[in-house]
N, C-alpha and C. Protein backbone atom coordinates (compact mmCIF):
# COMPACT_ATOMS: atom_id res chain seq x y z
N MET A 1 62.71 -30.16 -207.29
CA MET A 1 61.42 -30.60 -206.91
C MET A 1 61.16 -32.16 -207.31
N ASN A 2 60.82 -32.92 -206.44
CA ASN A 2 60.45 -34.07 -206.89
C ASN A 2 59.14 -34.53 -207.70
N LYS A 3 58.85 -35.64 -208.33
CA LYS A 3 57.78 -35.74 -209.32
C LYS A 3 56.43 -35.81 -208.24
N SER A 4 56.65 -36.21 -207.03
CA SER A 4 55.41 -36.08 -206.22
C SER A 4 54.79 -34.81 -205.81
N THR A 5 55.93 -33.84 -205.48
CA THR A 5 55.55 -32.40 -205.33
C THR A 5 54.91 -31.93 -206.70
N GLN A 6 55.67 -32.09 -208.00
CA GLN A 6 55.26 -31.57 -209.12
C GLN A 6 53.55 -32.12 -209.33
N SER A 7 53.37 -33.36 -209.20
CA SER A 7 52.12 -34.00 -209.41
C SER A 7 51.06 -33.33 -208.52
N LYS A 8 51.60 -32.90 -207.29
CA LYS A 8 50.66 -32.26 -206.21
C LYS A 8 50.24 -30.92 -206.75
N ILE A 9 51.16 -30.14 -207.22
CA ILE A 9 51.12 -28.90 -207.80
C ILE A 9 50.17 -28.90 -208.99
N SER A 10 50.38 -29.79 -210.08
CA SER A 10 49.53 -29.91 -211.00
C SER A 10 47.94 -30.06 -210.83
N ILE A 11 47.84 -31.04 -209.91
CA ILE A 11 46.67 -31.35 -209.58
C ILE A 11 45.95 -30.23 -208.97
N LEU A 12 46.51 -29.29 -207.79
CA LEU A 12 46.03 -28.06 -207.25
C LEU A 12 45.93 -27.09 -208.36
N GLY A 13 46.64 -27.12 -209.39
CA GLY A 13 46.54 -25.96 -210.39
C GLY A 13 45.05 -26.34 -211.06
N PHE A 14 45.02 -27.59 -211.33
CA PHE A 14 43.89 -27.97 -212.30
C PHE A 14 42.71 -27.71 -211.45
N CYS A 15 42.61 -28.15 -210.17
CA CYS A 15 41.53 -27.77 -209.18
C CYS A 15 41.00 -26.37 -209.31
N LEU A 16 42.13 -25.38 -209.33
CA LEU A 16 41.95 -23.95 -208.80
C LEU A 16 41.34 -23.40 -210.45
N LEU A 17 41.68 -24.23 -211.48
CA LEU A 17 41.27 -23.73 -212.84
C LEU A 17 39.99 -24.14 -212.98
N LEU A 18 39.63 -25.38 -212.56
CA LEU A 18 38.12 -25.90 -212.56
C LEU A 18 37.22 -24.84 -211.69
N LEU A 19 37.55 -24.73 -210.53
CA LEU A 19 36.82 -23.72 -209.63
C LEU A 19 36.69 -22.35 -210.12
N ASN A 20 37.55 -22.00 -210.93
CA ASN A 20 37.50 -20.72 -211.40
C ASN A 20 36.39 -20.63 -212.66
N ALA A 21 36.67 -21.60 -213.41
CA ALA A 21 35.69 -21.69 -214.57
C ALA A 21 34.06 -22.02 -213.98
N CYS A 22 34.03 -22.60 -212.93
CA CYS A 22 32.65 -22.69 -212.54
C CYS A 22 31.93 -21.64 -211.97
N ASN A 23 32.74 -20.82 -211.18
CA ASN A 23 32.43 -19.28 -210.68
C ASN A 23 32.00 -18.41 -211.83
N TRP A 24 32.87 -18.57 -213.04
CA TRP A 24 32.71 -17.71 -214.20
C TRP A 24 31.29 -18.02 -214.92
N SER A 25 30.93 -19.18 -214.95
CA SER A 25 29.86 -19.67 -215.58
C SER A 25 28.41 -19.34 -214.83
N ALA A 26 28.56 -19.63 -213.39
CA ALA A 26 27.60 -19.13 -212.46
C ALA A 26 27.26 -17.83 -212.43
N ASN A 27 28.14 -16.79 -212.66
CA ASN A 27 27.76 -15.19 -212.71
C ASN A 27 27.66 -14.80 -214.20
N GLU A 28 27.62 -15.52 -215.01
CA GLU A 28 27.43 -15.19 -216.63
C GLU A 28 25.92 -14.56 -216.51
N ASP A 29 26.00 -13.26 -217.05
CA ASP A 29 24.69 -12.59 -217.26
C ASP A 29 23.52 -13.27 -218.19
N LEU A 30 22.18 -13.50 -217.67
CA LEU A 30 21.26 -14.08 -218.51
C LEU A 30 20.79 -12.84 -219.36
N SER A 31 20.39 -12.98 -220.60
CA SER A 31 19.72 -11.91 -221.39
C SER A 31 18.57 -11.27 -220.59
N PRO A 32 18.06 -10.18 -220.92
CA PRO A 32 17.04 -9.52 -220.40
C PRO A 32 15.52 -10.26 -220.81
N GLU A 33 15.70 -10.89 -222.09
CA GLU A 33 14.47 -11.70 -222.50
C GLU A 33 14.34 -12.85 -221.60
N THR A 34 15.52 -13.68 -221.22
CA THR A 34 15.47 -14.73 -220.62
C THR A 34 14.94 -14.69 -219.13
N VAL A 35 15.60 -13.46 -218.57
CA VAL A 35 15.24 -13.03 -217.10
C VAL A 35 13.63 -12.64 -217.13
N ALA A 36 13.08 -12.03 -218.15
CA ALA A 36 11.65 -11.73 -217.99
C ALA A 36 10.86 -12.99 -218.12
N LEU A 37 11.20 -13.86 -219.05
CA LEU A 37 10.52 -15.13 -219.10
C LEU A 37 10.78 -15.95 -217.89
N GLU A 38 11.79 -16.23 -217.47
CA GLU A 38 11.92 -16.72 -216.28
C GLU A 38 10.90 -16.25 -214.88
N PHE A 39 11.02 -14.94 -214.82
CA PHE A 39 10.29 -14.23 -213.80
C PHE A 39 8.79 -14.42 -213.94
N PHE A 40 8.13 -14.51 -215.14
CA PHE A 40 6.86 -14.82 -215.17
C PHE A 40 6.54 -16.29 -215.16
N ASP A 41 7.49 -17.02 -215.26
CA ASP A 41 7.21 -18.31 -215.40
C ASP A 41 7.36 -18.86 -213.86
N ASN A 42 8.12 -18.17 -213.02
CA ASN A 42 8.16 -18.50 -211.73
C ASN A 42 6.75 -17.96 -210.99
N ILE A 43 6.39 -16.99 -211.53
CA ILE A 43 5.11 -16.53 -211.03
C ILE A 43 3.73 -16.99 -211.35
N TYR A 44 3.73 -17.73 -212.34
CA TYR A 44 2.69 -18.22 -213.13
C TYR A 44 2.79 -19.73 -213.05
N ASN A 45 3.57 -20.31 -213.40
CA ASN A 45 3.57 -21.75 -213.67
C ASN A 45 4.32 -22.65 -212.57
N HIS A 46 5.39 -22.00 -211.93
CA HIS A 46 5.89 -22.70 -210.75
C HIS A 46 5.36 -22.22 -209.38
N ASN A 47 4.63 -21.22 -209.41
CA ASN A 47 4.20 -20.62 -208.10
C ASN A 47 5.26 -20.45 -207.08
N ASP A 48 6.48 -19.70 -207.46
CA ASP A 48 7.50 -19.79 -206.55
C ASP A 48 8.10 -18.17 -206.32
N ILE A 49 7.63 -17.50 -205.54
CA ILE A 49 7.69 -16.27 -205.29
C ILE A 49 9.10 -15.98 -204.99
N GLU A 50 10.00 -16.78 -204.32
CA GLU A 50 11.11 -16.54 -203.93
C GLU A 50 12.06 -16.51 -205.13
N LYS A 51 11.78 -17.54 -206.17
CA LYS A 51 12.74 -17.66 -207.34
C LYS A 51 12.35 -16.14 -208.29
N ALA A 52 11.17 -15.75 -208.16
CA ALA A 52 10.85 -14.51 -208.81
C ALA A 52 11.53 -13.20 -208.11
N VAL A 53 11.52 -13.35 -206.88
CA VAL A 53 12.21 -12.23 -206.35
C VAL A 53 13.55 -11.94 -206.41
N LYS A 54 14.31 -13.26 -206.70
CA LYS A 54 15.66 -13.34 -207.00
C LYS A 54 16.05 -12.76 -208.41
N LEU A 55 14.81 -12.66 -209.28
CA LEU A 55 15.18 -11.95 -210.69
C LEU A 55 14.55 -10.46 -210.77
N ALA A 56 14.34 -9.75 -209.48
CA ALA A 56 13.71 -8.47 -209.42
C ALA A 56 15.09 -7.73 -208.61
N THR A 57 14.83 -6.48 -208.98
CA THR A 57 15.58 -5.43 -208.46
C THR A 57 15.19 -5.39 -206.73
N PRO A 58 16.19 -4.94 -205.99
CA PRO A 58 15.80 -4.91 -204.70
C PRO A 58 14.37 -4.20 -204.21
N LYS A 59 14.04 -2.98 -204.97
CA LYS A 59 12.83 -2.31 -204.70
C LYS A 59 11.37 -3.21 -205.11
N TYR A 60 11.72 -3.72 -206.37
CA TYR A 60 10.63 -4.57 -206.71
C TYR A 60 10.40 -5.83 -206.25
N ALA A 61 11.45 -6.40 -205.62
CA ALA A 61 11.76 -7.48 -204.72
C ALA A 61 10.72 -7.19 -203.26
N ARG A 62 10.86 -6.21 -202.92
CA ARG A 62 10.13 -5.83 -201.72
C ARG A 62 8.58 -5.65 -202.12
N ILE A 63 8.34 -5.24 -203.11
CA ILE A 63 6.85 -5.03 -203.58
C ILE A 63 6.38 -6.43 -203.55
N LEU A 64 6.89 -7.33 -204.35
CA LEU A 64 6.68 -8.61 -204.60
C LEU A 64 6.46 -9.31 -203.19
N GLN A 65 7.39 -9.30 -202.38
CA GLN A 65 7.28 -10.01 -200.94
C GLN A 65 5.95 -9.19 -200.07
N HIS A 66 5.78 -7.96 -200.53
CA HIS A 66 4.73 -7.45 -199.66
C HIS A 66 3.29 -8.33 -199.86
N TYR A 67 2.99 -8.72 -201.04
CA TYR A 67 1.82 -9.45 -201.53
C TYR A 67 2.01 -10.92 -200.98
N GLY A 68 3.05 -11.52 -200.66
CA GLY A 68 2.96 -12.70 -199.77
C GLY A 68 3.14 -13.94 -200.62
N ASN A 69 2.40 -14.02 -201.58
CA ASN A 69 2.42 -15.15 -202.68
C ASN A 69 2.02 -14.97 -204.04
N THR A 70 2.42 -15.87 -204.84
CA THR A 70 2.05 -15.75 -206.28
C THR A 70 0.69 -15.47 -206.55
N LYS A 71 -0.30 -16.01 -206.00
CA LYS A 71 -1.81 -15.70 -206.38
C LYS A 71 -2.26 -14.24 -206.10
N ARG A 72 -1.54 -13.66 -205.21
CA ARG A 72 -2.05 -12.31 -204.82
C ARG A 72 -1.15 -11.44 -205.87
N VAL A 73 -0.10 -11.69 -206.18
CA VAL A 73 0.85 -11.01 -207.20
C VAL A 73 0.08 -11.38 -208.41
N GLN A 74 -0.29 -12.45 -208.84
CA GLN A 74 -1.10 -12.38 -210.03
C GLN A 74 -2.36 -11.56 -210.26
N SER A 75 -3.14 -11.68 -209.26
CA SER A 75 -4.48 -11.00 -209.03
C SER A 75 -4.33 -9.34 -208.74
N VAL A 76 -3.68 -9.20 -207.91
CA VAL A 76 -3.62 -7.69 -207.45
C VAL A 76 -2.59 -6.87 -208.35
N LEU A 77 -1.38 -7.33 -208.21
CA LEU A 77 -0.14 -6.48 -209.17
C LEU A 77 -0.33 -6.71 -210.64
N PHE A 78 -0.61 -7.84 -210.91
CA PHE A 78 -0.58 -8.05 -212.51
C PHE A 78 -1.91 -8.03 -213.11
N ASN A 79 -3.11 -7.96 -212.40
CA ASN A 79 -4.33 -7.98 -213.06
C ASN A 79 -4.79 -8.93 -213.58
N ARG A 80 -4.07 -10.12 -213.48
CA ARG A 80 -4.75 -11.42 -214.34
C ARG A 80 -4.03 -12.68 -213.65
N ARG A 81 -5.05 -13.44 -213.40
CA ARG A 81 -4.61 -14.72 -212.93
C ARG A 81 -4.93 -15.92 -214.05
N TYR A 82 -4.33 -16.80 -213.90
CA TYR A 82 -4.22 -17.95 -214.99
C TYR A 82 -4.05 -19.31 -214.25
N ASP A 83 -4.94 -20.15 -214.85
CA ASP A 83 -4.74 -21.63 -214.16
C ASP A 83 -3.70 -22.37 -215.02
N LYS A 84 -3.65 -21.95 -216.16
CA LYS A 84 -2.42 -22.71 -216.91
C LYS A 84 -2.26 -21.39 -217.99
N VAL A 85 -0.86 -21.46 -218.32
CA VAL A 85 -0.43 -20.30 -219.35
C VAL A 85 0.61 -20.60 -219.92
N ASP A 86 0.87 -20.17 -221.45
CA ASP A 86 1.92 -20.04 -222.11
C ASP A 86 2.68 -18.78 -222.16
N ILE A 87 4.08 -18.63 -221.87
CA ILE A 87 4.60 -17.35 -221.70
C ILE A 87 5.83 -17.38 -223.13
N GLN A 88 5.63 -16.47 -223.61
CA GLN A 88 6.58 -16.19 -224.72
C GLN A 88 6.85 -14.74 -225.12
N LEU A 89 8.09 -14.48 -225.71
CA LEU A 89 8.20 -13.04 -226.09
C LEU A 89 7.14 -12.60 -227.20
N SER A 90 6.97 -11.26 -227.25
CA SER A 90 6.20 -11.04 -228.29
C SER A 90 7.18 -10.91 -229.38
N LYS A 91 6.32 -11.10 -230.68
CA LYS A 91 7.31 -11.26 -231.98
C LYS A 91 8.23 -9.93 -232.15
N ASP A 92 7.44 -8.77 -231.69
CA ASP A 92 8.44 -7.64 -231.95
C ASP A 92 9.66 -7.65 -231.45
N VAL A 93 9.86 -8.31 -230.18
CA VAL A 93 10.95 -8.38 -229.43
C VAL A 93 11.90 -9.50 -230.05
N ARG A 94 11.42 -10.64 -230.32
CA ARG A 94 12.25 -11.79 -230.86
C ARG A 94 12.98 -11.50 -232.04
N PHE A 95 12.59 -10.42 -232.75
CA PHE A 95 13.57 -10.27 -234.05
C PHE A 95 14.32 -8.75 -233.96
N LYS A 96 14.47 -8.21 -232.74
CA LYS A 96 14.97 -6.98 -232.80
C LYS A 96 16.59 -7.29 -232.78
N GLU A 97 17.33 -6.39 -232.86
CA GLU A 97 18.85 -6.39 -232.75
C GLU A 97 19.16 -6.57 -231.39
N GLY A 98 20.20 -7.13 -230.83
CA GLY A 98 20.63 -7.29 -229.50
C GLY A 98 20.79 -5.79 -228.86
N ILE A 99 20.85 -5.87 -227.35
CA ILE A 99 20.84 -4.84 -226.70
C ILE A 99 22.43 -4.20 -226.74
N SER A 100 22.63 -3.11 -226.49
CA SER A 100 23.93 -2.41 -226.42
C SER A 100 24.56 -3.00 -224.99
N PRO A 101 25.73 -3.16 -225.03
CA PRO A 101 26.33 -3.63 -223.96
C PRO A 101 26.52 -2.52 -222.91
N GLN A 102 26.27 -1.20 -223.34
CA GLN A 102 26.45 -0.19 -222.43
C GLN A 102 25.08 0.26 -221.96
N ALA A 103 24.20 -0.31 -222.47
CA ALA A 103 22.53 -0.21 -221.98
C ALA A 103 22.57 -0.38 -220.33
N GLU A 104 21.83 0.34 -219.69
CA GLU A 104 21.72 0.19 -218.44
C GLU A 104 20.14 -0.45 -218.14
N GLN A 105 18.95 -0.09 -218.95
CA GLN A 105 17.87 -0.63 -218.99
C GLN A 105 17.38 -0.90 -220.16
N THR A 106 16.28 -1.56 -220.16
CA THR A 106 15.48 -2.04 -221.51
C THR A 106 14.20 -2.56 -221.17
N THR A 107 13.34 -2.67 -222.25
CA THR A 107 11.88 -3.17 -222.09
C THR A 107 11.73 -4.22 -222.95
N VAL A 108 11.19 -5.17 -222.39
CA VAL A 108 10.81 -6.43 -222.98
C VAL A 108 9.20 -6.81 -223.00
N THR A 109 8.76 -7.16 -224.00
CA THR A 109 7.49 -7.41 -224.17
C THR A 109 7.17 -8.88 -224.20
N VAL A 110 6.34 -9.17 -223.16
CA VAL A 110 6.09 -10.72 -222.93
C VAL A 110 4.50 -11.08 -223.22
N LEU A 111 4.24 -12.00 -223.95
CA LEU A 111 2.83 -12.40 -224.21
C LEU A 111 2.49 -13.67 -223.24
N LEU A 112 1.30 -13.40 -222.83
CA LEU A 112 0.76 -14.46 -221.80
C LEU A 112 -0.60 -15.05 -222.52
N ASP A 113 -0.64 -16.24 -222.79
CA ASP A 113 -1.77 -16.85 -223.27
C ASP A 113 -2.31 -18.20 -222.65
N GLY A 114 -3.13 -17.82 -221.91
CA GLY A 114 -3.75 -18.98 -221.26
C GLY A 114 -5.25 -19.11 -220.62
N SER A 115 -5.42 -19.97 -219.46
CA SER A 115 -6.90 -19.71 -219.19
C SER A 115 -6.97 -19.88 -217.79
N TYR A 116 -8.37 -19.23 -217.25
CA TYR A 116 -8.72 -19.00 -216.01
C TYR A 116 -10.26 -19.38 -215.79
N ALA A 117 -10.51 -20.12 -214.96
CA ALA A 117 -11.91 -20.79 -214.73
C ALA A 117 -12.61 -21.01 -215.90
N GLY A 118 -11.88 -21.74 -216.89
CA GLY A 118 -12.54 -21.96 -218.25
C GLY A 118 -12.47 -20.97 -219.36
N ASN A 119 -12.06 -19.85 -219.22
CA ASN A 119 -11.97 -18.76 -220.05
C ASN A 119 -10.54 -18.60 -220.62
N ARG A 120 -10.44 -18.27 -221.77
CA ARG A 120 -9.25 -18.09 -222.25
C ARG A 120 -8.98 -16.55 -222.42
N TYR A 121 -7.70 -16.13 -222.00
CA TYR A 121 -7.12 -14.72 -221.69
C TYR A 121 -5.69 -14.69 -222.49
N LYS A 122 -5.67 -13.55 -223.26
CA LYS A 122 -4.17 -13.08 -223.62
C LYS A 122 -4.03 -11.85 -223.22
N ASP A 123 -2.72 -11.62 -222.69
CA ASP A 123 -2.20 -10.47 -222.20
C ASP A 123 -1.06 -10.14 -222.60
N LEU A 124 -0.62 -8.71 -222.88
CA LEU A 124 0.65 -8.41 -223.04
C LEU A 124 1.25 -7.71 -221.93
N LYS A 125 2.48 -8.00 -221.40
CA LYS A 125 3.02 -7.20 -220.39
C LYS A 125 4.48 -6.71 -220.56
N PHE A 126 4.58 -5.54 -220.41
CA PHE A 126 5.60 -4.69 -220.70
C PHE A 126 6.70 -4.53 -219.53
N VAL A 127 7.81 -5.32 -219.65
CA VAL A 127 8.57 -5.51 -218.41
C VAL A 127 9.80 -4.61 -218.64
N LEU A 128 10.08 -3.78 -217.57
CA LEU A 128 11.22 -2.82 -217.54
C LEU A 128 12.24 -3.62 -216.59
N LEU A 129 13.47 -3.71 -217.54
CA LEU A 129 14.47 -4.43 -216.57
C LEU A 129 15.67 -3.38 -216.58
N LYS A 130 16.44 -3.50 -215.35
CA LYS A 130 17.56 -2.72 -215.44
C LYS A 130 18.72 -3.55 -214.93
N ARG A 131 20.12 -3.18 -215.53
CA ARG A 131 21.20 -3.95 -215.19
C ARG A 131 21.64 -3.71 -213.93
N GLN A 132 21.80 -4.69 -213.24
CA GLN A 132 22.54 -4.67 -212.04
C GLN A 132 23.73 -5.40 -211.77
N PRO A 133 24.52 -5.25 -210.75
CA PRO A 133 25.92 -5.86 -210.58
C PRO A 133 25.80 -7.42 -210.91
N GLU A 134 24.54 -8.06 -210.66
CA GLU A 134 24.32 -9.49 -210.74
C GLU A 134 23.82 -9.91 -211.94
N GLY A 135 23.47 -9.06 -212.71
CA GLY A 135 23.01 -8.99 -214.20
C GLY A 135 21.68 -8.48 -214.21
N TRP A 136 20.88 -8.68 -215.47
CA TRP A 136 19.60 -8.03 -215.61
C TRP A 136 18.74 -8.38 -214.49
N ARG A 137 17.67 -7.32 -214.14
CA ARG A 137 16.84 -7.73 -213.04
C ARG A 137 15.65 -6.87 -213.51
N VAL A 138 14.23 -7.57 -213.18
CA VAL A 138 13.00 -6.94 -213.28
C VAL A 138 12.87 -5.78 -212.59
N GLU A 139 12.84 -4.27 -212.88
CA GLU A 139 12.51 -3.26 -212.43
C GLU A 139 10.91 -3.09 -212.14
N LYS A 140 10.32 -3.37 -213.05
CA LYS A 140 8.69 -2.98 -212.87
C LYS A 140 8.04 -3.28 -214.18
N LEU A 141 6.87 -3.44 -214.04
CA LEU A 141 5.87 -3.52 -215.26
C LEU A 141 5.38 -2.24 -215.62
N LYS A 142 5.61 -2.00 -216.93
CA LYS A 142 4.99 -0.76 -217.16
C LYS A 142 3.41 -0.84 -217.58
N THR A 143 2.77 0.35 -217.34
CA THR A 143 1.31 0.26 -217.60
C THR A 143 1.13 -0.04 -219.20
N ASP A 144 -0.13 -0.78 -219.53
CA ASP A 144 -0.40 -1.26 -220.79
C ASP A 144 -0.93 -0.05 -221.59
N PRO A 145 -0.32 0.41 -222.65
CA PRO A 145 -0.93 1.63 -223.39
C PRO A 145 -1.97 1.34 -224.08
N TYR A 146 -2.48 0.11 -224.10
CA TYR A 146 -3.57 -0.40 -224.99
C TYR A 146 -4.94 -0.45 -224.25
N ARG A 147 -4.66 -0.19 -222.69
CA ARG A 147 -6.05 -0.25 -222.07
C ARG A 147 -6.56 1.02 -221.56
């Protein structure tokens, strides 16, 4: 084998290794907490129903798409609209131990603190997430046990 062929094989091998590394990081699972936060951020702050749909299970994605836009999802499905909102994990979730690698579903509690029409509202959302082949996805919102 001459030097030209060896360098071409080396370059090809490097490119394949680089492509493989890119695919691996793109498919890396996000934590359930991150998925839940991004889901609500897309609904409330970015008004992007399509990005929220990508973070949902197929069944819940169909429900979200049925409402057509984020304003209707906020007011009808989630029972709370916000003009501006801060989204964070509830303190009880932030300090708990990690989720078992074998777990197929989990619940994350999200705190929404914001304003609508000049009034301030705080709300807890209990998000059921299910492990899918592409990672954790929002399956549904649980009913609020405090209402």
